[in-house]
Amino acid sequence: MPETLEKRVLEAFRTGNGGPLFRKTSCAVSFVHGEPDYNGHYGIRELCDICPTQQLDRCAVAHRVPSAEELREIAARLPEGEDFQVVEVSERAAVVAGLEEQPRYFLQHSLGFQIHDVRHPHRHRRHGRADIGWPDTGSSSVESPHE
């Protein structure tokens, strides 16, 4: 969603008596079930700045950065895993190549950690890949896993 719309939604929840608010559906679903986020968004901290403290605590305890070897081991179990490559792993996310979306989600859900495809970079502060509605900062808008 565009930055201006996000600001309006956040302000409406701040000034009203809205319930908990989340940027990602998996965060909300996990909150309702009293579990850490199964998609592992916790590593991308700017997503979490509106989450309830109790959810942040759950996700913090569960957050664990997998090794490149762990990623390769899990991907090797997939029929689609023969071309799998680990490009980079950081506290935020693993960037991989050679897997389509659904097998990548299998890795992500297996580890509870964000797995990004090198062909579809996530954008810093854009909560995913949206290219519209956010000002250009003058530098590369592609999120570096090292940020």
N, C-alpha and C. Protein backbone atom coordinates (compact mmCIF):
# COMPACT_ATOMS: atom_id res chain seq x y z
N MET A 1 0.85 -1.17 0.00
CA MET A 1 0.00 0.00 0.00
C MET A 1 0.89 1.23 0.00
N PRO A 2 0.46 2.30 -0.58
CA PRO A 2 1.27 3.52 -0.60
C PRO A 2 1.54 4.05 0.81
N GLU A 3 2.66 4.72 0.97
CA GLU A 3 3.08 5.23 2.27
C GLU A 3 2.03 6.17 2.88
N THR A 4 1.42 7.03 2.08
CA THR A 4 0.44 7.98 2.62
C THR A 4 -0.78 7.25 3.18
N LEU A 5 -1.22 6.20 2.50
CA LEU A 5 -2.35 5.42 3.00
C LEU A 5 -1.97 4.69 4.28
N GLU A 6 -0.77 4.11 4.32
CA GLU A 6 -0.34 3.45 5.55
C GLU A 6 -0.34 4.42 6.72
N LYS A 7 0.16 5.63 6.51
CA LYS A 7 0.18 6.63 7.58
C LYS A 7 -1.23 6.95 8.06
N ARG A 8 -2.19 7.06 7.13
CA ARG A 8 -3.58 7.35 7.52
C ARG A 8 -4.17 6.21 8.35
N VAL A 9 -3.91 4.97 7.94
CA VAL A 9 -4.42 3.80 8.68
C VAL A 9 -3.81 3.76 10.07
N LEU A 10 -2.50 3.93 10.17
CA LEU A 10 -1.84 3.90 11.48
C LEU A 10 -2.36 5.01 12.39
N GLU A 11 -2.56 6.18 11.84
CA GLU A 11 -3.08 7.30 12.64
C GLU A 11 -4.51 7.01 13.11
N ALA A 12 -5.33 6.44 12.26
CA ALA A 12 -6.71 6.11 12.64
C ALA A 12 -6.71 5.11 13.80
N PHE A 13 -5.80 4.15 13.79
CA PHE A 13 -5.74 3.18 14.87
C PHE A 13 -5.17 3.80 16.14
N ARG A 14 -4.25 4.74 15.99
CA ARG A 14 -3.67 5.41 17.17
C ARG A 14 -4.71 6.29 17.87
N THR A 15 -5.52 6.99 17.10
CA THR A 15 -6.46 7.94 17.69
C THR A 15 -7.78 7.30 18.08
N GLY A 16 -8.10 6.18 17.47
CA GLY A 16 -9.32 5.46 17.82
C GLY A 16 -9.01 4.38 18.84
N ASN A 17 -9.94 3.53 19.05
CA ASN A 17 -9.72 2.41 19.96
C ASN A 17 -9.68 1.11 19.18
N GLY A 18 -8.89 1.12 18.11
CA GLY A 18 -8.76 -0.09 17.30
C GLY A 18 -8.00 -1.16 18.05
N GLY A 19 -8.17 -2.39 17.63
CA GLY A 19 -7.47 -3.50 18.24
C GLY A 19 -6.05 -3.58 17.74
N PRO A 20 -5.41 -4.71 17.95
CA PRO A 20 -4.04 -4.86 17.46
C PRO A 20 -4.01 -4.75 15.94
N LEU A 21 -2.91 -4.22 15.45
CA LEU A 21 -2.74 -3.99 14.02
C LEU A 21 -1.43 -4.64 13.58
N PHE A 22 -1.43 -5.25 12.40
CA PHE A 22 -0.27 -5.95 11.88
C PHE A 22 -0.06 -5.59 10.43
N ARG A 23 1.19 -5.62 9.99
CA ARG A 23 1.48 -5.35 8.58
C ARG A 23 1.34 -6.60 7.72
N LYS A 24 1.47 -7.75 8.32
CA LYS A 24 1.44 -9.00 7.56
C LYS A 24 0.35 -9.91 8.11
N THR A 25 -0.38 -10.55 7.22
CA THR A 25 -1.47 -11.45 7.61
C THR A 25 -0.96 -12.56 8.50
N SER A 26 0.20 -13.14 8.16
CA SER A 26 0.71 -14.24 8.98
C SER A 26 0.99 -13.80 10.41
N CYS A 27 1.35 -12.54 10.59
CA CYS A 27 1.58 -12.03 11.95
C CYS A 27 0.26 -12.00 12.73
N ALA A 28 -0.80 -11.55 12.09
CA ALA A 28 -2.11 -11.49 12.75
C ALA A 28 -2.63 -12.88 13.06
N VAL A 29 -2.53 -13.79 12.11
CA VAL A 29 -2.99 -15.17 12.32
C VAL A 29 -2.21 -15.80 13.47
N SER A 30 -0.91 -15.61 13.47
CA SER A 30 -0.07 -16.18 14.53
C SER A 30 -0.43 -15.59 15.89
N PHE A 31 -0.70 -14.29 15.93
CA PHE A 31 -1.09 -13.63 17.18
C PHE A 31 -2.37 -14.25 17.75
N VAL A 32 -3.36 -14.44 16.90
CA VAL A 32 -4.63 -15.02 17.33
C VAL A 32 -4.43 -16.42 17.93
N HIS A 33 -3.48 -17.16 17.38
CA HIS A 33 -3.22 -18.52 17.85
C HIS A 33 -2.15 -18.60 18.93
N GLY A 34 -1.62 -17.45 19.34
CA GLY A 34 -0.61 -17.43 20.40
C GLY A 34 0.71 -18.05 19.98
N GLU A 35 1.06 -17.93 18.71
CA GLU A 35 2.29 -18.54 18.17
C GLU A 35 3.17 -17.46 17.54
N PRO A 36 4.47 -17.75 17.40
CA PRO A 36 5.32 -16.82 16.63
C PRO A 36 4.94 -16.87 15.16
N ASP A 37 5.26 -15.82 14.44
CA ASP A 37 4.93 -15.74 13.01
C ASP A 37 5.59 -16.86 12.23
N TYR A 38 4.79 -17.66 11.57
CA TYR A 38 5.29 -18.79 10.80
C TYR A 38 6.05 -18.37 9.55
N ASN A 39 5.93 -17.11 9.14
CA ASN A 39 6.68 -16.61 7.99
C ASN A 39 7.99 -15.95 8.40
N GLY A 40 8.24 -15.83 9.70
CA GLY A 40 9.51 -15.31 10.17
C GLY A 40 9.79 -13.86 9.83
N HIS A 41 8.78 -13.01 9.89
CA HIS A 41 8.98 -11.60 9.57
C HIS A 41 9.81 -10.86 10.63
N TYR A 42 10.02 -11.45 11.78
CA TYR A 42 10.71 -10.77 12.88
C TYR A 42 12.08 -10.23 12.49
N GLY A 43 12.78 -10.90 11.59
CA GLY A 43 14.09 -10.42 11.16
C GLY A 43 14.03 -9.09 10.43
N ILE A 44 12.90 -8.77 9.87
CA ILE A 44 12.72 -7.50 9.16
C ILE A 44 12.00 -6.55 10.12
N ARG A 45 12.79 -5.99 11.00
CA ARG A 45 12.28 -5.29 12.18
C ARG A 45 11.31 -4.15 11.88
N GLU A 46 11.47 -3.46 10.76
CA GLU A 46 10.56 -2.34 10.50
C GLU A 46 9.14 -2.81 10.26
N LEU A 47 8.93 -4.09 10.01
CA LEU A 47 7.57 -4.62 9.90
C LEU A 47 6.91 -4.72 11.26
N CYS A 48 7.72 -4.86 12.30
CA CYS A 48 7.22 -5.20 13.63
C CYS A 48 6.93 -3.98 14.51
N ASP A 49 7.15 -2.79 14.03
CA ASP A 49 7.05 -1.62 14.91
C ASP A 49 5.63 -1.31 15.37
N ILE A 50 4.64 -1.99 14.82
CA ILE A 50 3.26 -1.78 15.27
C ILE A 50 2.68 -3.01 15.98
N CYS A 51 3.46 -4.09 16.06
CA CYS A 51 2.96 -5.33 16.67
C CYS A 51 2.83 -5.19 18.18
N PRO A 52 1.86 -5.88 18.77
CA PRO A 52 1.75 -5.89 20.23
C PRO A 52 3.01 -6.51 20.86
N THR A 53 3.39 -6.00 22.01
CA THR A 53 4.60 -6.46 22.69
C THR A 53 4.61 -7.96 22.91
N GLN A 54 3.48 -8.53 23.30
CA GLN A 54 3.47 -9.98 23.54
C GLN A 54 3.77 -10.77 22.28
N GLN A 55 3.35 -10.26 21.11
CA GLN A 55 3.66 -10.94 19.86
C GLN A 55 5.14 -10.78 19.53
N LEU A 56 5.67 -9.60 19.73
CA LEU A 56 7.10 -9.38 19.50
C LEU A 56 7.93 -10.34 20.35
N ASP A 57 7.53 -10.51 21.60
CA ASP A 57 8.26 -11.42 22.50
C ASP A 57 8.22 -12.85 21.97
N ARG A 58 7.06 -13.31 21.52
CA ARG A 58 6.96 -14.67 20.95
C ARG A 58 7.89 -14.83 19.75
N CYS A 59 7.85 -13.86 18.88
CA CYS A 59 8.65 -13.94 17.66
C CYS A 59 10.14 -13.83 17.96
N ALA A 60 10.51 -13.01 18.94
CA ALA A 60 11.92 -12.87 19.31
C ALA A 60 12.49 -14.19 19.81
N VAL A 61 11.73 -14.89 20.63
CA VAL A 61 12.18 -16.18 21.17
C VAL A 61 12.35 -17.20 20.04
N ALA A 62 11.47 -17.17 19.06
CA ALA A 62 11.49 -18.15 17.98
C ALA A 62 12.49 -17.81 16.87
N HIS A 63 12.93 -16.55 16.80
CA HIS A 63 13.78 -16.11 15.69
C HIS A 63 15.15 -16.80 15.73
N ARG A 64 15.46 -17.48 14.66
CA ARG A 64 16.75 -18.16 14.53
C ARG A 64 17.16 -18.11 13.07
N VAL A 65 18.37 -17.65 12.83
CA VAL A 65 18.89 -17.54 11.46
C VAL A 65 19.43 -18.90 11.04
N PRO A 66 18.88 -19.48 9.98
CA PRO A 66 19.39 -20.77 9.51
C PRO A 66 20.73 -20.60 8.80
N SER A 67 21.50 -21.65 8.80
CA SER A 67 22.75 -21.62 8.04
C SER A 67 22.45 -21.91 6.57
N ALA A 68 23.39 -21.56 5.72
CA ALA A 68 23.26 -21.87 4.29
C ALA A 68 23.14 -23.38 4.11
N GLU A 69 23.86 -24.14 4.92
CA GLU A 69 23.80 -25.60 4.82
C GLU A 69 22.40 -26.11 5.17
N GLU A 70 21.77 -25.56 6.22
CA GLU A 70 20.39 -25.96 6.55
C GLU A 70 19.45 -25.69 5.39
N LEU A 71 19.59 -24.54 4.79
CA LEU A 71 18.75 -24.20 3.64
C LEU A 71 18.94 -25.21 2.51
N ARG A 72 20.18 -25.54 2.23
CA ARG A 72 20.46 -26.51 1.15
C ARG A 72 19.90 -27.89 1.49
N GLU A 73 20.00 -28.29 2.76
CA GLU A 73 19.49 -29.61 3.17
C GLU A 73 17.99 -29.71 2.97
N ILE A 74 17.26 -28.68 3.36
CA ILE A 74 15.81 -28.70 3.21
C ILE A 74 15.43 -28.64 1.72
N ALA A 75 16.10 -27.77 0.97
CA ALA A 75 15.81 -27.64 -0.46
C ALA A 75 16.11 -28.95 -1.20
N ALA A 76 17.08 -29.70 -0.74
CA ALA A 76 17.44 -30.96 -1.40
C ALA A 76 16.32 -31.99 -1.30
N ARG A 77 15.42 -31.84 -0.35
CA ARG A 77 14.27 -32.75 -0.21
C ARG A 77 13.18 -32.48 -1.24
N LEU A 78 13.27 -31.33 -1.90
CA LEU A 78 12.24 -30.93 -2.86
C LEU A 78 12.60 -31.40 -4.26
N PRO A 79 11.61 -31.88 -5.01
CA PRO A 79 11.90 -32.26 -6.40
C PRO A 79 12.46 -31.08 -7.20
N GLU A 80 12.07 -29.86 -6.83
CA GLU A 80 12.50 -28.66 -7.54
C GLU A 80 13.84 -28.14 -7.05
N GLY A 81 14.46 -28.82 -6.09
CA GLY A 81 15.63 -28.28 -5.40
C GLY A 81 16.97 -28.46 -6.08
N GLU A 82 17.02 -29.07 -7.23
CA GLU A 82 18.33 -29.35 -7.83
C GLU A 82 19.08 -28.10 -8.29
N ASP A 83 18.37 -27.03 -8.64
CA ASP A 83 19.02 -25.79 -9.07
C ASP A 83 19.11 -24.75 -7.95
N PHE A 84 18.79 -25.15 -6.75
CA PHE A 84 18.75 -24.24 -5.61
C PHE A 84 20.13 -23.69 -5.27
N GLN A 85 20.16 -22.38 -5.00
CA GLN A 85 21.40 -21.73 -4.57
C GLN A 85 21.09 -20.76 -3.44
N VAL A 86 21.96 -20.71 -2.47
CA VAL A 86 21.88 -19.71 -1.41
C VAL A 86 22.76 -18.55 -1.85
N VAL A 87 22.15 -17.38 -2.01
CA VAL A 87 22.88 -16.20 -2.44
C VAL A 87 23.46 -15.49 -1.23
N GLU A 88 22.64 -15.35 -0.17
CA GLU A 88 23.06 -14.60 1.01
C GLU A 88 22.14 -14.95 2.18
N VAL A 89 22.69 -14.97 3.38
CA VAL A 89 21.89 -15.17 4.59
C VAL A 89 22.29 -14.09 5.58
N SER A 90 21.28 -13.43 6.16
CA SER A 90 21.52 -12.41 7.19
C SER A 90 20.50 -12.58 8.30
N GLU A 91 20.55 -11.71 9.28
CA GLU A 91 19.56 -11.70 10.36
C GLU A 91 18.16 -11.42 9.83
N ARG A 92 18.06 -10.72 8.71
CA ARG A 92 16.78 -10.31 8.13
C ARG A 92 16.11 -11.41 7.33
N ALA A 93 16.90 -12.03 6.44
CA ALA A 93 16.31 -12.98 5.48
C ALA A 93 17.41 -13.75 4.76
N ALA A 94 17.01 -14.83 4.14
CA ALA A 94 17.89 -15.54 3.22
C ALA A 94 17.46 -15.17 1.81
N VAL A 95 18.42 -14.89 0.97
CA VAL A 95 18.16 -14.61 -0.44
C VAL A 95 18.64 -15.83 -1.21
N VAL A 96 17.72 -16.40 -2.00
CA VAL A 96 18.02 -17.65 -2.70
C VAL A 96 17.69 -17.52 -4.18
N ALA A 97 18.18 -18.49 -4.95
CA ALA A 97 17.88 -18.58 -6.38
C ALA A 97 17.54 -20.03 -6.70
N GLY A 98 16.75 -20.21 -7.74
CA GLY A 98 16.49 -21.54 -8.26
C GLY A 98 15.25 -22.23 -7.74
N LEU A 99 14.41 -21.55 -6.97
CA LEU A 99 13.15 -22.14 -6.51
C LEU A 99 12.00 -21.23 -6.87
N GLU A 100 10.93 -21.81 -7.33
CA GLU A 100 9.71 -21.04 -7.57
C GLU A 100 9.05 -20.72 -6.22
N GLU A 101 7.98 -19.95 -6.28
CA GLU A 101 7.35 -19.41 -5.08
C GLU A 101 6.90 -20.47 -4.07
N GLN A 102 6.15 -21.46 -4.50
CA GLN A 102 5.62 -22.44 -3.53
C GLN A 102 6.71 -23.26 -2.84
N PRO A 103 7.72 -23.77 -3.55
CA PRO A 103 8.81 -24.45 -2.84
C PRO A 103 9.57 -23.51 -1.90
N ARG A 104 9.69 -22.25 -2.29
CA ARG A 104 10.33 -21.27 -1.40
C ARG A 104 9.51 -21.09 -0.13
N TYR A 105 8.20 -21.07 -0.26
CA TYR A 105 7.34 -20.96 0.92
C TYR A 105 7.50 -22.17 1.82
N PHE A 106 7.70 -23.35 1.23
CA PHE A 106 7.95 -24.54 2.03
C PHE A 106 9.19 -24.32 2.91
N LEU A 107 10.25 -23.80 2.34
CA LEU A 107 11.46 -23.49 3.12
C LEU A 107 11.15 -22.48 4.21
N GLN A 108 10.45 -21.43 3.84
CA GLN A 108 10.14 -20.35 4.78
C GLN A 108 9.33 -20.87 5.96
N HIS A 109 8.31 -21.65 5.69
CA HIS A 109 7.45 -22.16 6.76
C HIS A 109 8.17 -23.24 7.57
N SER A 110 9.03 -24.01 6.93
CA SER A 110 9.79 -25.03 7.65
C SER A 110 10.72 -24.40 8.68
N LEU A 111 11.28 -23.25 8.33
CA LEU A 111 12.26 -22.60 9.19
C LEU A 111 11.70 -21.44 10.00
N GLY A 112 10.51 -20.95 9.64
CA GLY A 112 9.98 -19.75 10.31
C GLY A 112 10.91 -18.57 10.10
N PHE A 113 11.43 -18.46 8.88
CA PHE A 113 12.42 -17.43 8.55
C PHE A 113 12.16 -16.96 7.13
N GLN A 114 12.31 -15.68 6.88
CA GLN A 114 12.05 -15.11 5.55
C GLN A 114 13.02 -15.65 4.50
N ILE A 115 12.47 -16.10 3.37
CA ILE A 115 13.25 -16.59 2.24
C ILE A 115 12.85 -15.76 1.03
N HIS A 116 13.76 -14.94 0.53
CA HIS A 116 13.48 -14.06 -0.59
C HIS A 116 14.14 -14.59 -1.86
N ASP A 117 13.46 -14.42 -2.97
CA ASP A 117 13.97 -14.82 -4.28
C ASP A 117 14.81 -13.68 -4.84
N VAL A 118 16.01 -13.99 -5.28
CA VAL A 118 16.91 -12.98 -5.82
C VAL A 118 16.30 -12.25 -7.02
N ARG A 119 15.39 -12.91 -7.75
CA ARG A 119 14.74 -12.29 -8.92
C ARG A 119 13.68 -11.27 -8.53
N HIS A 120 13.20 -11.34 -7.30
CA HIS A 120 12.13 -10.45 -6.85
C HIS A 120 12.55 -9.80 -5.53
N PRO A 121 13.43 -8.83 -5.59
CA PRO A 121 13.94 -8.24 -4.34
C PRO A 121 12.86 -7.54 -3.54
N HIS A 122 12.99 -7.65 -2.24
CA HIS A 122 12.11 -6.91 -1.36
C HIS A 122 12.66 -5.50 -1.22
N ARG A 123 11.78 -4.56 -0.98
CA ARG A 123 12.16 -3.15 -0.91
C ARG A 123 12.13 -2.69 0.54
N HIS A 124 13.19 -2.01 0.92
CA HIS A 124 13.29 -1.49 2.29
C HIS A 124 12.09 -0.59 2.61
N ARG A 125 11.45 -0.82 3.75
CA ARG A 125 10.29 -0.06 4.24
C ARG A 125 9.05 -0.21 3.38
N ARG A 126 9.06 -1.02 2.37
CA ARG A 126 7.89 -1.14 1.50
C ARG A 126 7.09 -2.39 1.79
N HIS A 127 7.48 -3.12 2.81
CA HIS A 127 6.73 -4.28 3.27
C HIS A 127 6.51 -5.29 2.16
N GLY A 128 7.52 -5.47 1.35
CA GLY A 128 7.44 -6.42 0.26
C GLY A 128 8.08 -5.88 -0.98
N ARG A 129 7.39 -5.98 -2.08
CA ARG A 129 8.00 -5.64 -3.36
C ARG A 129 7.35 -4.47 -4.07
N ALA A 130 6.43 -3.76 -3.44
CA ALA A 130 5.72 -2.68 -4.11
C ALA A 130 6.66 -1.59 -4.59
N ASP A 131 6.50 -1.19 -5.83
CA ASP A 131 7.33 -0.14 -6.39
C ASP A 131 6.63 1.22 -6.43
N ILE A 132 5.38 1.27 -5.97
CA ILE A 132 4.64 2.53 -6.07
C ILE A 132 4.31 3.07 -4.69
N GLY A 133 4.12 4.37 -4.63
CA GLY A 133 3.60 4.99 -3.42
C GLY A 133 4.61 5.28 -2.34
N TRP A 134 5.89 5.06 -2.60
CA TRP A 134 6.94 5.33 -1.62
C TRP A 134 7.98 6.22 -2.29
N PRO A 135 8.44 7.25 -1.60
CA PRO A 135 9.40 8.16 -2.24
C PRO A 135 10.73 7.48 -2.51
N ASP A 136 11.37 7.91 -3.58
CA ASP A 136 12.71 7.43 -3.89
C ASP A 136 13.67 8.14 -2.95
N THR A 137 14.52 7.36 -2.28
CA THR A 137 15.45 7.95 -1.32
C THR A 137 16.72 8.41 -1.97
N GLY A 138 16.85 8.21 -3.28
CA GLY A 138 18.05 8.62 -3.97
C GLY A 138 19.13 7.54 -3.98
N SER A 139 18.95 6.51 -3.18
CA SER A 139 19.88 5.40 -3.19
C SER A 139 19.15 4.16 -3.66
N SER A 140 19.82 3.08 -3.70
CA SER A 140 19.20 1.83 -4.14
C SER A 140 18.03 1.50 -3.22
N SER A 141 16.91 1.18 -3.82
CA SER A 141 15.73 0.87 -3.00
C SER A 141 15.65 -0.61 -2.66
N VAL A 142 16.57 -1.40 -3.19
CA VAL A 142 16.54 -2.82 -2.89
C VAL A 142 17.11 -3.02 -1.50
N GLU A 143 16.36 -3.75 -0.71
CA GLU A 143 16.77 -4.01 0.66
C GLU A 143 17.99 -4.90 0.66
N SER A 144 18.99 -4.50 1.37
CA SER A 144 20.16 -5.35 1.54
C SER A 144 19.95 -6.19 2.77
N PRO A 145 20.21 -7.48 2.70
CA PRO A 145 20.07 -8.30 3.89
C PRO A 145 20.99 -7.86 5.01
N HIS A 146 21.98 -7.03 4.70
CA HIS A 146 22.91 -6.58 5.73
C HIS A 146 22.45 -5.32 6.45
N GLU A 147 21.34 -4.72 6.03
CA GLU A 147 20.85 -3.50 6.66
C GLU A 147 20.38 -3.78 8.07
